[in-house]
Amino acid sequence: MSVAQAVSEARDVQAFDRRAARYDAGWLGEWHRELVRRVAEIVRTLDVAPSAVLDVGCGTGRLLTVLAQMLPTSAELVGIDPAPGMVNAAIAASRPTARIRFEQAAAESLPFADDAFDLILSTVAFDHWADQQAGLCECARVLHPTGTLLLVDLLAPWLWLTTLRRRRRARTPRQLAHLLHEATLRPVEWRPVMDLGPLSLIQAVIAKSSALSS
């Protein structure tokens, strides 16, 4: 990670740390809840019964709380976020048990063993990763060979214009597909999640290990 990336990450973490207490309040909180609902519906359609789920950039833990009611009771649910305020808010809101827990960690350095999870999620967190390529490589490392990565974020062809200011950010499907390939992952399906009027804005990509296609 470069010095510039490290500085950018620190600023993002500090910003989300300050926002944690009010993250789920107001109209933005309503928007987050609607996004969580849509992502949970995508998970439902995947027809998976995972034994271990990882939410990378879990925020206040709302998605895992919803999934805990959907997935088998035997499933282990883990959320990580680099902002300690977000982790504390998630713990306070969900009353973690042996089944669901939250830890402070970043996508670029996941504190888990290889092949530990059969479903990895990331919802509007990817754009804030300090090093998106490193984060995807870490996801590939801890993802079981038959597992699924579901990444939901700002992804649309027209968003390449915004990368002129936010350099080294993958914001188009083509850019993300390249990063996934470099991380030995392959996109198997794209789904629209939220639009901005007539423009696509937030999309979900469902990815698998490249080894499965060989």
N, C-alpha and C. Protein backbone atom coordinates (compact mmCIF):
# COMPACT_ATOMS: atom_id res chain seq x y z
N MET A 1 0.84 -1.18 0.00
CA MET A 1 0.00 0.00 0.00
C MET A 1 0.89 1.25 0.00
N SER A 2 0.58 2.20 -0.87
CA SER A 2 1.36 3.42 -0.94
C SER A 2 1.03 4.33 0.23
N VAL A 3 1.88 5.35 0.41
CA VAL A 3 1.64 6.34 1.47
C VAL A 3 0.32 7.05 1.22
N ALA A 4 0.06 7.41 -0.04
CA ALA A 4 -1.19 8.10 -0.38
C ALA A 4 -2.40 7.24 -0.04
N GLN A 5 -2.32 5.93 -0.34
CA GLN A 5 -3.42 5.03 -0.03
C GLN A 5 -3.62 4.92 1.47
N ALA A 6 -2.52 4.86 2.21
CA ALA A 6 -2.63 4.76 3.67
C ALA A 6 -3.28 6.00 4.26
N VAL A 7 -2.91 7.18 3.75
CA VAL A 7 -3.50 8.42 4.23
C VAL A 7 -4.98 8.47 3.91
N SER A 8 -5.33 8.05 2.67
CA SER A 8 -6.73 8.03 2.27
C SER A 8 -7.54 7.09 3.15
N GLU A 9 -6.98 5.91 3.45
CA GLU A 9 -7.68 4.95 4.29
C GLU A 9 -7.90 5.53 5.69
N ALA A 10 -6.88 6.14 6.24
CA ALA A 10 -7.00 6.72 7.58
C ALA A 10 -8.10 7.77 7.63
N ARG A 11 -8.18 8.59 6.59
CA ARG A 11 -9.22 9.62 6.55
C ARG A 11 -10.60 8.99 6.46
N ASP A 12 -10.76 7.97 5.62
CA ASP A 12 -12.05 7.29 5.50
C ASP A 12 -12.46 6.65 6.82
N VAL A 13 -11.52 5.97 7.46
CA VAL A 13 -11.82 5.31 8.73
C VAL A 13 -12.24 6.32 9.78
N GLN A 14 -11.53 7.43 9.86
CA GLN A 14 -11.86 8.47 10.82
C GLN A 14 -13.24 9.06 10.55
N ALA A 15 -13.56 9.25 9.26
CA ALA A 15 -14.86 9.81 8.90
C ALA A 15 -15.99 8.88 9.31
N PHE A 16 -15.84 7.58 9.03
CA PHE A 16 -16.88 6.63 9.40
C PHE A 16 -16.94 6.42 10.91
N ASP A 17 -15.81 6.55 11.57
CA ASP A 17 -15.78 6.44 13.02
C ASP A 17 -16.62 7.55 13.65
N ARG A 18 -16.50 8.76 13.09
CA ARG A 18 -17.27 9.90 13.61
C ARG A 18 -18.77 9.75 13.32
N ARG A 19 -19.10 9.10 12.21
CA ARG A 19 -20.50 8.98 11.80
C ARG A 19 -21.22 7.79 12.42
N ALA A 20 -20.49 6.92 13.08
CA ALA A 20 -21.06 5.64 13.52
C ALA A 20 -22.33 5.80 14.36
N ALA A 21 -22.32 6.73 15.32
CA ALA A 21 -23.44 6.87 16.24
C ALA A 21 -24.72 7.29 15.54
N ARG A 22 -24.60 8.00 14.42
CA ARG A 22 -25.80 8.48 13.72
C ARG A 22 -25.94 7.86 12.32
N TYR A 23 -25.20 6.81 12.06
CA TYR A 23 -25.16 6.22 10.72
C TYR A 23 -26.53 5.72 10.26
N ASP A 24 -27.31 5.19 11.19
CA ASP A 24 -28.61 4.62 10.83
C ASP A 24 -29.76 5.60 11.05
N ALA A 25 -29.46 6.87 11.28
CA ALA A 25 -30.50 7.87 11.54
C ALA A 25 -30.87 8.63 10.26
N GLY A 26 -32.05 9.22 10.27
CA GLY A 26 -32.46 10.10 9.20
C GLY A 26 -32.68 9.41 7.86
N TRP A 27 -32.72 10.24 6.81
CA TRP A 27 -33.00 9.70 5.48
C TRP A 27 -31.89 8.76 4.99
N LEU A 28 -30.65 9.05 5.42
CA LEU A 28 -29.56 8.19 4.99
C LEU A 28 -29.68 6.81 5.65
N GLY A 29 -30.12 6.81 6.90
CA GLY A 29 -30.37 5.53 7.56
C GLY A 29 -31.46 4.75 6.87
N GLU A 30 -32.51 5.43 6.42
CA GLU A 30 -33.58 4.76 5.67
C GLU A 30 -33.05 4.18 4.36
N TRP A 31 -32.17 4.94 3.72
CA TRP A 31 -31.57 4.45 2.47
C TRP A 31 -30.73 3.21 2.74
N HIS A 32 -29.96 3.23 3.81
CA HIS A 32 -29.15 2.05 4.17
C HIS A 32 -30.04 0.84 4.43
N ARG A 33 -31.15 1.05 5.12
CA ARG A 33 -32.04 -0.07 5.42
C ARG A 33 -32.64 -0.66 4.15
N GLU A 34 -33.00 0.22 3.20
CA GLU A 34 -33.54 -0.28 1.93
C GLU A 34 -32.47 -1.04 1.15
N LEU A 35 -31.25 -0.54 1.17
CA LEU A 35 -30.17 -1.24 0.49
C LEU A 35 -29.93 -2.61 1.11
N VAL A 36 -29.92 -2.67 2.44
CA VAL A 36 -29.76 -3.95 3.13
C VAL A 36 -30.87 -4.91 2.74
N ARG A 37 -32.09 -4.41 2.66
CA ARG A 37 -33.22 -5.27 2.28
C ARG A 37 -33.00 -5.87 0.89
N ARG A 38 -32.54 -5.05 -0.04
CA ARG A 38 -32.34 -5.53 -1.41
C ARG A 38 -31.18 -6.53 -1.49
N VAL A 39 -30.13 -6.27 -0.75
CA VAL A 39 -29.00 -7.20 -0.75
C VAL A 39 -29.41 -8.52 -0.11
N ALA A 40 -30.17 -8.47 0.97
CA ALA A 40 -30.64 -9.70 1.61
C ALA A 40 -31.51 -10.51 0.66
N GLU A 41 -32.30 -9.84 -0.16
CA GLU A 41 -33.12 -10.55 -1.15
C GLU A 41 -32.25 -11.24 -2.19
N ILE A 42 -31.15 -10.59 -2.57
CA ILE A 42 -30.22 -11.23 -3.51
C ILE A 42 -29.64 -12.49 -2.87
N VAL A 43 -29.23 -12.38 -1.62
CA VAL A 43 -28.70 -13.56 -0.92
C VAL A 43 -29.74 -14.67 -0.91
N ARG A 44 -31.00 -14.32 -0.69
CA ARG A 44 -32.06 -15.33 -0.66
C ARG A 44 -32.16 -16.07 -2.00
N THR A 45 -31.98 -15.34 -3.10
CA THR A 45 -32.10 -15.96 -4.42
C THR A 45 -30.89 -16.78 -4.81
N LEU A 46 -29.78 -16.66 -4.06
CA LEU A 46 -28.58 -17.43 -4.38
C LEU A 46 -28.77 -18.92 -4.09
N ASP A 47 -29.76 -19.24 -3.32
CA ASP A 47 -30.04 -20.63 -2.97
C ASP A 47 -28.82 -21.29 -2.36
N VAL A 48 -28.23 -20.61 -1.37
CA VAL A 48 -27.07 -21.15 -0.67
C VAL A 48 -27.43 -21.37 0.79
N ALA A 49 -26.75 -22.31 1.40
CA ALA A 49 -26.91 -22.56 2.83
C ALA A 49 -25.51 -22.53 3.45
N PRO A 50 -24.92 -21.35 3.55
CA PRO A 50 -23.52 -21.25 3.99
C PRO A 50 -23.35 -21.63 5.45
N SER A 51 -22.19 -22.17 5.74
CA SER A 51 -21.85 -22.49 7.12
C SER A 51 -21.10 -21.34 7.78
N ALA A 52 -20.47 -20.47 6.98
CA ALA A 52 -19.72 -19.34 7.52
C ALA A 52 -19.81 -18.17 6.55
N VAL A 53 -20.25 -17.00 7.07
CA VAL A 53 -20.47 -15.81 6.26
C VAL A 53 -19.58 -14.69 6.79
N LEU A 54 -18.95 -13.95 5.89
CA LEU A 54 -18.13 -12.80 6.25
C LEU A 54 -18.67 -11.56 5.56
N ASP A 55 -18.94 -10.51 6.33
CA ASP A 55 -19.35 -9.22 5.79
C ASP A 55 -18.17 -8.27 5.92
N VAL A 56 -17.58 -7.88 4.79
CA VAL A 56 -16.39 -7.03 4.77
C VAL A 56 -16.83 -5.57 4.66
N GLY A 57 -16.56 -4.80 5.72
CA GLY A 57 -17.06 -3.44 5.79
C GLY A 57 -18.49 -3.45 6.28
N CYS A 58 -18.71 -4.10 7.42
CA CYS A 58 -20.07 -4.40 7.90
C CYS A 58 -20.79 -3.19 8.45
N GLY A 59 -20.09 -2.07 8.71
CA GLY A 59 -20.76 -0.92 9.26
C GLY A 59 -21.39 -1.24 10.61
N THR A 60 -22.66 -0.89 10.77
CA THR A 60 -23.35 -1.12 12.04
C THR A 60 -23.93 -2.53 12.15
N GLY A 61 -23.61 -3.40 11.20
CA GLY A 61 -23.99 -4.80 11.31
C GLY A 61 -25.41 -5.13 10.90
N ARG A 62 -26.09 -4.19 10.27
CA ARG A 62 -27.50 -4.40 9.95
C ARG A 62 -27.73 -5.59 9.01
N LEU A 63 -26.86 -5.75 8.00
CA LEU A 63 -27.06 -6.84 7.05
C LEU A 63 -26.94 -8.20 7.73
N LEU A 64 -25.95 -8.39 8.57
CA LEU A 64 -25.80 -9.68 9.25
C LEU A 64 -26.96 -9.95 10.19
N THR A 65 -27.51 -8.91 10.80
CA THR A 65 -28.67 -9.08 11.68
C THR A 65 -29.86 -9.60 10.88
N VAL A 66 -30.04 -9.07 9.68
CA VAL A 66 -31.13 -9.55 8.81
C VAL A 66 -30.85 -10.98 8.34
N LEU A 67 -29.62 -11.25 7.93
CA LEU A 67 -29.28 -12.59 7.43
C LEU A 67 -29.39 -13.64 8.53
N ALA A 68 -29.17 -13.25 9.78
CA ALA A 68 -29.28 -14.21 10.88
C ALA A 68 -30.67 -14.80 10.96
N GLN A 69 -31.67 -14.07 10.48
CA GLN A 69 -33.05 -14.56 10.50
C GLN A 69 -33.37 -15.37 9.25
N MET A 70 -32.53 -15.28 8.23
CA MET A 70 -32.78 -15.96 6.95
C MET A 70 -32.02 -17.26 6.81
N LEU A 71 -30.78 -17.26 7.28
CA LEU A 71 -29.88 -18.38 7.02
C LEU A 71 -30.02 -19.45 8.10
N PRO A 72 -29.52 -20.65 7.82
CA PRO A 72 -29.58 -21.73 8.81
C PRO A 72 -29.00 -21.29 10.15
N THR A 73 -29.59 -21.76 11.24
CA THR A 73 -29.14 -21.36 12.58
C THR A 73 -27.72 -21.84 12.87
N SER A 74 -27.23 -22.77 12.09
CA SER A 74 -25.87 -23.27 12.29
C SER A 74 -24.82 -22.37 11.64
N ALA A 75 -25.26 -21.41 10.82
CA ALA A 75 -24.31 -20.55 10.09
C ALA A 75 -23.61 -19.58 11.03
N GLU A 76 -22.30 -19.48 10.89
CA GLU A 76 -21.51 -18.52 11.64
C GLU A 76 -21.45 -17.21 10.86
N LEU A 77 -21.74 -16.09 11.51
CA LEU A 77 -21.81 -14.79 10.85
C LEU A 77 -20.76 -13.86 11.45
N VAL A 78 -19.85 -13.37 10.60
CA VAL A 78 -18.75 -12.52 11.08
C VAL A 78 -18.75 -11.23 10.28
N GLY A 79 -18.67 -10.10 10.99
CA GLY A 79 -18.56 -8.81 10.33
C GLY A 79 -17.27 -8.13 10.73
N ILE A 80 -16.60 -7.52 9.75
CA ILE A 80 -15.38 -6.76 10.06
C ILE A 80 -15.51 -5.35 9.48
N ASP A 81 -14.91 -4.40 10.20
CA ASP A 81 -14.91 -3.01 9.73
C ASP A 81 -13.66 -2.35 10.32
N PRO A 82 -13.00 -1.49 9.56
CA PRO A 82 -11.80 -0.84 10.10
C PRO A 82 -12.10 0.28 11.08
N ALA A 83 -13.34 0.76 11.11
CA ALA A 83 -13.70 1.86 12.00
C ALA A 83 -14.18 1.31 13.34
N PRO A 84 -13.47 1.58 14.42
CA PRO A 84 -13.88 1.03 15.72
C PRO A 84 -15.26 1.48 16.15
N GLY A 85 -15.66 2.70 15.78
CA GLY A 85 -16.99 3.17 16.13
C GLY A 85 -18.08 2.33 15.48
N MET A 86 -17.85 1.92 14.24
CA MET A 86 -18.82 1.06 13.54
C MET A 86 -18.91 -0.31 14.22
N VAL A 87 -17.77 -0.86 14.58
CA VAL A 87 -17.77 -2.16 15.25
C VAL A 87 -18.51 -2.08 16.58
N ASN A 88 -18.26 -1.03 17.33
CA ASN A 88 -18.94 -0.85 18.61
C ASN A 88 -20.45 -0.70 18.42
N ALA A 89 -20.85 0.05 17.38
CA ALA A 89 -22.27 0.22 17.10
C ALA A 89 -22.91 -1.11 16.70
N ALA A 90 -22.19 -1.92 15.92
CA ALA A 90 -22.71 -3.22 15.51
C ALA A 90 -22.89 -4.14 16.70
N ILE A 91 -21.92 -4.13 17.59
CA ILE A 91 -22.00 -4.96 18.80
C ILE A 91 -23.19 -4.53 19.66
N ALA A 92 -23.36 -3.23 19.82
CA ALA A 92 -24.44 -2.72 20.65
C ALA A 92 -25.81 -3.03 20.05
N ALA A 93 -25.91 -3.00 18.73
CA ALA A 93 -27.20 -3.18 18.08
C ALA A 93 -27.62 -4.64 17.95
N SER A 94 -26.64 -5.54 17.88
CA SER A 94 -26.97 -6.93 17.56
C SER A 94 -26.84 -7.90 18.72
N ARG A 95 -26.23 -7.47 19.82
CA ARG A 95 -26.00 -8.37 20.93
C ARG A 95 -25.34 -9.67 20.45
N PRO A 96 -24.11 -9.58 19.99
CA PRO A 96 -23.42 -10.73 19.41
C PRO A 96 -23.42 -11.97 20.31
N THR A 97 -23.46 -13.12 19.68
CA THR A 97 -23.40 -14.40 20.36
C THR A 97 -22.26 -15.20 19.74
N ALA A 98 -22.19 -16.47 20.08
CA ALA A 98 -21.18 -17.33 19.46
C ALA A 98 -21.44 -17.44 17.97
N ARG A 99 -22.68 -17.19 17.55
CA ARG A 99 -23.03 -17.32 16.14
C ARG A 99 -22.69 -16.07 15.33
N ILE A 100 -22.82 -14.90 15.93
CA ILE A 100 -22.59 -13.65 15.21
C ILE A 100 -21.61 -12.80 16.01
N ARG A 101 -20.58 -12.32 15.34
CA ARG A 101 -19.58 -11.50 16.03
C ARG A 101 -19.01 -10.46 15.09
N PHE A 102 -18.42 -9.44 15.68
CA PHE A 102 -17.85 -8.34 14.91
C PHE A 102 -16.43 -8.06 15.39
N GLU A 103 -15.54 -7.75 14.42
CA GLU A 103 -14.15 -7.48 14.73
C GLU A 103 -13.68 -6.27 13.94
N GLN A 104 -12.69 -5.57 14.50
CA GLN A 104 -12.08 -4.46 13.79
C GLN A 104 -10.97 -5.01 12.90
N ALA A 105 -11.12 -4.83 11.61
CA ALA A 105 -10.12 -5.30 10.64
C ALA A 105 -10.42 -4.65 9.30
N ALA A 106 -9.43 -4.65 8.42
CA ALA A 106 -9.57 -4.07 7.09
C ALA A 106 -9.56 -5.17 6.04
N ALA A 107 -10.16 -4.87 4.90
CA ALA A 107 -10.25 -5.85 3.81
C ALA A 107 -8.87 -6.31 3.35
N GLU A 108 -7.89 -5.41 3.43
CA GLU A 108 -6.56 -5.72 2.91
C GLU A 108 -5.77 -6.66 3.81
N SER A 109 -6.27 -6.93 5.01
CA SER A 109 -5.57 -7.82 5.94
C SER A 109 -6.60 -8.54 6.80
N LEU A 110 -7.21 -9.55 6.25
CA LEU A 110 -8.28 -10.27 6.94
C LEU A 110 -7.68 -11.26 7.94
N PRO A 111 -8.07 -11.21 9.20
CA PRO A 111 -7.48 -12.06 10.24
C PRO A 111 -8.12 -13.44 10.31
N PHE A 112 -8.20 -14.12 9.16
CA PHE A 112 -8.86 -15.41 9.10
C PHE A 112 -8.03 -16.40 8.29
N ALA A 113 -8.27 -17.67 8.53
CA ALA A 113 -7.55 -18.73 7.82
C ALA A 113 -8.02 -18.84 6.37
N ASP A 114 -7.20 -19.47 5.56
CA ASP A 114 -7.57 -19.74 4.17
C ASP A 114 -8.86 -20.57 4.13
N ASP A 115 -9.69 -20.30 3.12
CA ASP A 115 -10.89 -21.10 2.85
C ASP A 115 -11.89 -21.10 4.02
N ALA A 116 -11.89 -20.05 4.83
CA ALA A 116 -12.68 -20.05 6.06
C ALA A 116 -14.17 -19.78 5.83
N PHE A 117 -14.54 -19.13 4.72
CA PHE A 117 -15.93 -18.70 4.52
C PHE A 117 -16.46 -19.21 3.18
N ASP A 118 -17.72 -19.59 3.17
CA ASP A 118 -18.32 -20.00 1.89
C ASP A 118 -19.24 -18.93 1.31
N LEU A 119 -19.43 -17.82 2.03
CA LEU A 119 -20.13 -16.65 1.48
C LEU A 119 -19.47 -15.40 2.05
N ILE A 120 -18.98 -14.53 1.15
CA ILE A 120 -18.39 -13.26 1.55
C ILE A 120 -19.20 -12.14 0.91
N LEU A 121 -19.55 -11.15 1.73
CA LEU A 121 -20.37 -10.03 1.29
C LEU A 121 -19.60 -8.72 1.47
N SER A 122 -19.90 -7.76 0.63
CA SER A 122 -19.42 -6.40 0.85
C SER A 122 -20.43 -5.46 0.21
N THR A 123 -21.00 -4.57 1.02
CA THR A 123 -22.06 -3.68 0.54
C THR A 123 -21.66 -2.23 0.71
N VAL A 124 -21.51 -1.53 -0.39
CA VAL A 124 -21.06 -0.13 -0.49
C VAL A 124 -19.89 0.17 0.44
N ALA A 125 -18.99 -0.79 0.55
CA ALA A 125 -17.74 -0.59 1.29
C ALA A 125 -16.54 -0.64 0.35
N PHE A 126 -16.67 -1.37 -0.75
CA PHE A 126 -15.56 -1.59 -1.68
C PHE A 126 -14.93 -0.29 -2.15
N ASP A 127 -15.74 0.73 -2.39
CA ASP A 127 -15.22 2.00 -2.90
C ASP A 127 -14.33 2.71 -1.88
N HIS A 128 -14.40 2.27 -0.62
CA HIS A 128 -13.60 2.89 0.43
C HIS A 128 -12.37 2.06 0.80
N TRP A 129 -12.21 0.89 0.20
CA TRP A 129 -11.01 0.10 0.50
C TRP A 129 -9.78 0.87 0.05
N ALA A 130 -8.75 0.90 0.88
CA ALA A 130 -7.53 1.62 0.52
C ALA A 130 -6.85 1.00 -0.69
N ASP A 131 -6.89 -0.32 -0.79
CA ASP A 131 -6.26 -1.04 -1.89
C ASP A 131 -7.24 -2.12 -2.34
N GLN A 132 -8.01 -1.81 -3.37
CA GLN A 132 -9.06 -2.72 -3.80
C GLN A 132 -8.51 -4.06 -4.28
N GLN A 133 -7.39 -4.02 -4.99
CA GLN A 133 -6.80 -5.28 -5.47
C GLN A 133 -6.37 -6.16 -4.32
N ALA A 134 -5.69 -5.58 -3.34
CA ALA A 134 -5.25 -6.35 -2.18
C ALA A 134 -6.45 -6.91 -1.41
N GLY A 135 -7.50 -6.10 -1.28
CA GLY A 135 -8.69 -6.56 -0.58
C GLY A 135 -9.36 -7.73 -1.28
N LEU A 136 -9.45 -7.69 -2.60
CA LEU A 136 -10.04 -8.79 -3.34
C LEU A 136 -9.18 -10.05 -3.24
N CYS A 137 -7.87 -9.89 -3.24
CA CYS A 137 -6.98 -11.04 -3.08
C CYS A 137 -7.17 -11.68 -1.71
N GLU A 138 -7.38 -10.85 -0.68
CA GLU A 138 -7.64 -11.38 0.65
C GLU A 138 -8.98 -12.11 0.69
N CYS A 139 -9.98 -11.54 0.03
CA CYS A 139 -11.29 -12.22 -0.03
C CYS A 139 -11.15 -13.57 -0.72
N ALA A 140 -10.39 -13.61 -1.81
CA ALA A 140 -10.18 -14.87 -2.52
C ALA A 140 -9.46 -15.89 -1.63
N ARG A 141 -8.55 -15.40 -0.81
CA ARG A 141 -7.79 -16.30 0.08
C ARG A 141 -8.69 -16.95 1.13
N VAL A 142 -9.57 -16.18 1.74
CA VAL A 142 -10.40 -16.72 2.82
C VAL A 142 -11.70 -17.33 2.31
N LEU A 143 -11.95 -17.24 1.00
CA LEU A 143 -13.17 -17.82 0.42
C LEU A 143 -12.93 -19.29 0.10
N HIS A 144 -13.86 -20.13 0.51
CA HIS A 144 -13.77 -21.55 0.19
C HIS A 144 -13.79 -21.73 -1.33
N PRO A 145 -13.09 -22.72 -1.88
CA PRO A 145 -13.04 -22.90 -3.34
C PRO A 145 -14.40 -22.99 -4.01
N THR A 146 -15.42 -23.47 -3.30
CA THR A 146 -16.76 -23.54 -3.88
C THR A 146 -17.65 -22.40 -3.41
N GLY A 147 -17.08 -21.42 -2.72
CA GLY A 147 -17.87 -20.35 -2.12
C GLY A 147 -18.23 -19.26 -3.11
N THR A 148 -18.94 -18.25 -2.58
CA THR A 148 -19.46 -17.15 -3.39
C THR A 148 -19.08 -15.81 -2.78
N LEU A 149 -18.64 -14.88 -3.63
CA LEU A 149 -18.43 -13.50 -3.23
C LEU A 149 -19.56 -12.67 -3.82
N LEU A 150 -20.25 -11.90 -2.97
CA LEU A 150 -21.29 -10.98 -3.43
C LEU A 150 -20.84 -9.57 -3.07
N LEU A 151 -20.49 -8.80 -4.08
CA LEU A 151 -19.98 -7.44 -3.88
C LEU A 151 -20.97 -6.45 -4.48
N VAL A 152 -21.44 -5.51 -3.66
CA VAL A 152 -22.44 -4.52 -4.07
C VAL A 152 -21.84 -3.14 -3.88
N ASP A 153 -21.80 -2.36 -4.97
CA ASP A 153 -21.21 -1.02 -4.83
C ASP A 153 -21.53 -0.16 -6.04
N LEU A 154 -20.94 1.03 -6.06
CA LEU A 154 -21.07 1.94 -7.19
C LEU A 154 -20.36 1.32 -8.39
N LEU A 155 -21.14 0.83 -9.34
CA LEU A 155 -20.57 0.13 -10.49
C LEU A 155 -21.45 0.41 -11.72
N ALA A 156 -20.94 1.22 -12.62
CA ALA A 156 -21.67 1.53 -13.85
C ALA A 156 -20.68 2.07 -14.88
N PRO A 157 -20.92 1.80 -16.16
CA PRO A 157 -19.97 2.27 -17.18
C PRO A 157 -19.70 3.77 -17.13
N TRP A 158 -20.73 4.58 -16.87
CA TRP A 158 -20.54 6.02 -16.89
C TRP A 158 -19.71 6.53 -15.72
N LEU A 159 -19.51 5.70 -14.70
CA LEU A 159 -18.76 6.13 -13.52
C LEU A 159 -17.25 6.22 -13.78
N TRP A 160 -16.80 5.82 -14.96
CA TRP A 160 -15.37 5.96 -15.25
C TRP A 160 -14.96 7.43 -15.17
N LEU A 161 -15.92 8.34 -15.43
CA LEU A 161 -15.62 9.77 -15.33
C LEU A 161 -15.21 10.16 -13.91
N THR A 162 -15.81 9.52 -12.91
CA THR A 162 -15.50 9.87 -11.52
C THR A 162 -14.14 9.36 -11.09
N THR A 163 -13.60 8.39 -11.82
CA THR A 163 -12.27 7.88 -11.45
C THR A 163 -11.16 8.85 -11.84
N LEU A 164 -11.48 9.86 -12.64
CA LEU A 164 -10.48 10.87 -12.96
C LEU A 164 -10.08 11.64 -11.70
N ARG A 165 -11.03 11.75 -10.76
CA ARG A 165 -10.73 12.41 -9.49
C ARG A 165 -10.32 11.40 -8.43
N ARG A 166 -11.05 10.29 -8.36
CA ARG A 166 -10.71 9.24 -7.39
C ARG A 166 -9.93 8.15 -8.11
N ARG A 167 -8.66 8.39 -8.28
CA ARG A 167 -7.81 7.47 -9.04
C ARG A 167 -7.65 6.14 -8.30
N ARG A 168 -7.37 5.11 -9.10
CA ARG A 168 -7.16 3.75 -8.60
C ARG A 168 -8.42 3.17 -7.96
N ARG A 169 -9.60 3.69 -8.36
CA ARG A 169 -10.85 3.13 -7.88
C ARG A 169 -11.56 2.45 -9.03
N ALA A 170 -11.97 1.19 -8.84
CA ALA A 170 -12.74 0.48 -9.84
C ALA A 170 -14.21 0.85 -9.66
N ARG A 171 -14.76 1.53 -10.63
CA ARG A 171 -16.16 1.93 -10.55
C ARG A 171 -16.96 1.52 -11.77
N THR A 172 -16.35 0.78 -12.66
CA THR A 172 -17.09 0.24 -13.80
C THR A 172 -17.00 -1.29 -13.74
N PRO A 173 -17.99 -1.97 -14.33
CA PRO A 173 -17.93 -3.43 -14.35
C PRO A 173 -16.65 -3.96 -14.99
N ARG A 174 -16.19 -3.29 -16.04
CA ARG A 174 -14.97 -3.74 -16.70
C ARG A 174 -13.76 -3.62 -15.78
N GLN A 175 -13.64 -2.49 -15.07
CA GLN A 175 -12.53 -2.31 -14.13
C GLN A 175 -12.57 -3.36 -13.03
N LEU A 176 -13.77 -3.60 -12.49
CA LEU A 176 -13.89 -4.58 -11.41
C LEU A 176 -13.60 -5.98 -11.91
N ALA A 177 -14.07 -6.31 -13.12
CA ALA A 177 -13.81 -7.64 -13.68
C ALA A 177 -12.31 -7.90 -13.78
N HIS A 178 -11.57 -6.86 -14.15
CA HIS A 178 -10.11 -7.00 -14.24
C HIS A 178 -9.50 -7.29 -12.87
N LEU A 179 -9.93 -6.56 -11.85
CA LEU A 179 -9.41 -6.79 -10.50
C LEU A 179 -9.79 -8.18 -9.99
N LEU A 180 -11.00 -8.60 -10.29
CA LEU A 180 -11.42 -9.95 -9.88
C LEU A 180 -10.55 -11.01 -10.54
N HIS A 181 -10.28 -10.83 -11.81
CA HIS A 181 -9.43 -11.79 -12.53
C HIS A 181 -8.04 -11.86 -11.89
N GLU A 182 -7.48 -10.71 -11.54
CA GLU A 182 -6.17 -10.68 -10.91
C GLU A 182 -6.18 -11.35 -9.54
N ALA A 183 -7.35 -11.41 -8.92
CA ALA A 183 -7.47 -12.04 -7.61
C ALA A 183 -7.93 -13.49 -7.71
N THR A 184 -7.88 -14.07 -8.92
CA THR A 184 -8.31 -15.44 -9.20
C THR A 184 -9.79 -15.65 -8.90
N LEU A 185 -10.57 -14.62 -9.19
CA LEU A 185 -12.02 -14.70 -9.07
C LEU A 185 -12.63 -14.38 -10.43
N ARG A 186 -13.84 -14.84 -10.66
CA ARG A 186 -14.50 -14.54 -11.93
C ARG A 186 -15.94 -14.15 -11.68
N PRO A 187 -16.41 -13.07 -12.31
CA PRO A 187 -17.81 -12.69 -12.17
C PRO A 187 -18.70 -13.66 -12.95
N VAL A 188 -19.74 -14.15 -12.31
CA VAL A 188 -20.65 -15.07 -12.98
C VAL A 188 -22.01 -14.44 -13.24
N GLU A 189 -22.29 -13.32 -12.56
CA GLU A 189 -23.57 -12.65 -12.78
C GLU A 189 -23.50 -11.22 -12.24
N TRP A 190 -24.16 -10.31 -12.96
CA TRP A 190 -24.30 -8.92 -12.51
C TRP A 190 -25.79 -8.63 -12.32
N ARG A 191 -26.12 -7.91 -11.27
CA ARG A 191 -27.53 -7.58 -11.03
C ARG A 191 -27.66 -6.11 -10.63
N PRO A 192 -28.65 -5.41 -11.19
CA PRO A 192 -28.89 -4.03 -10.77
C PRO A 192 -29.47 -4.02 -9.35
N VAL A 193 -29.08 -3.05 -8.57
CA VAL A 193 -29.59 -2.93 -7.20
C VAL A 193 -30.32 -1.61 -7.00
N MET A 194 -29.68 -0.50 -7.38
CA MET A 194 -30.31 0.82 -7.29
C MET A 194 -29.85 1.66 -8.47
N ASP A 195 -30.79 2.43 -9.03
CA ASP A 195 -30.47 3.30 -10.15
C ASP A 195 -30.54 4.76 -9.73
N LEU A 196 -29.94 5.61 -10.53
CA LEU A 196 -30.02 7.05 -10.35
C LEU A 196 -30.81 7.59 -11.53
N GLY A 197 -32.13 7.65 -11.37
CA GLY A 197 -32.99 8.01 -12.49
C GLY A 197 -32.84 6.97 -13.59
N PRO A 198 -32.52 7.40 -14.82
CA PRO A 198 -32.34 6.44 -15.91
C PRO A 198 -30.97 5.77 -15.93
N LEU A 199 -30.07 6.20 -15.04
CA LEU A 199 -28.71 5.69 -15.02
C LEU A 199 -28.55 4.58 -13.99
N SER A 200 -27.84 3.53 -14.36
CA SER A 200 -27.48 2.52 -13.38
C SER A 200 -26.48 3.13 -12.41
N LEU A 201 -26.52 2.71 -11.15
CA LEU A 201 -25.63 3.29 -10.15
C LEU A 201 -25.00 2.22 -9.26
N ILE A 202 -25.83 1.50 -8.52
CA ILE A 202 -25.32 0.45 -7.63
C ILE A 202 -25.67 -0.90 -8.23
N GLN A 203 -24.66 -1.73 -8.41
CA GLN A 203 -24.85 -3.06 -8.96
C GLN A 203 -24.23 -4.10 -8.03
N ALA A 204 -24.71 -5.30 -8.18
CA ALA A 204 -24.14 -6.43 -7.45
C ALA A 204 -23.43 -7.34 -8.44
N VAL A 205 -22.26 -7.80 -8.05
CA VAL A 205 -21.57 -8.82 -8.83
C VAL A 205 -21.45 -10.07 -7.98
N ILE A 206 -21.79 -11.18 -8.57
CA ILE A 206 -21.66 -12.49 -7.93
C ILE A 206 -20.44 -13.15 -8.55
N ALA A 207 -19.47 -13.50 -7.72
CA ALA A 207 -18.20 -14.02 -8.23
C ALA A 207 -17.86 -15.35 -7.57
N LYS A 208 -17.11 -16.15 -8.31
CA LYS A 208 -16.66 -17.45 -7.84
C LYS A 208 -15.16 -17.57 -8.07
N SER A 209 -14.58 -18.60 -7.49
CA SER A 209 -13.17 -18.86 -7.72
C SER A 209 -12.94 -19.24 -9.17
N SER A 210 -11.88 -18.70 -9.77
CA SER A 210 -11.55 -19.04 -11.16
C SER A 210 -11.23 -20.51 -11.32
N ALA A 211 -10.78 -21.16 -10.26
CA ALA A 211 -10.40 -22.57 -10.32
C ALA A 211 -11.58 -23.44 -10.73
N LEU A 212 -12.80 -22.98 -10.43
CA LEU A 212 -13.98 -23.78 -10.74
C LEU A 212 -14.23 -23.87 -12.25
N SER A 213 -13.66 -22.92 -13.02
CA SER A 213 -13.88 -22.93 -14.46
C SER A 213 -12.80 -23.69 -15.21
N SER A 214 -11.79 -24.17 -14.48
CA SER A 214 -10.68 -24.85 -15.15
C SER A 214 -10.94 -26.34 -15.24
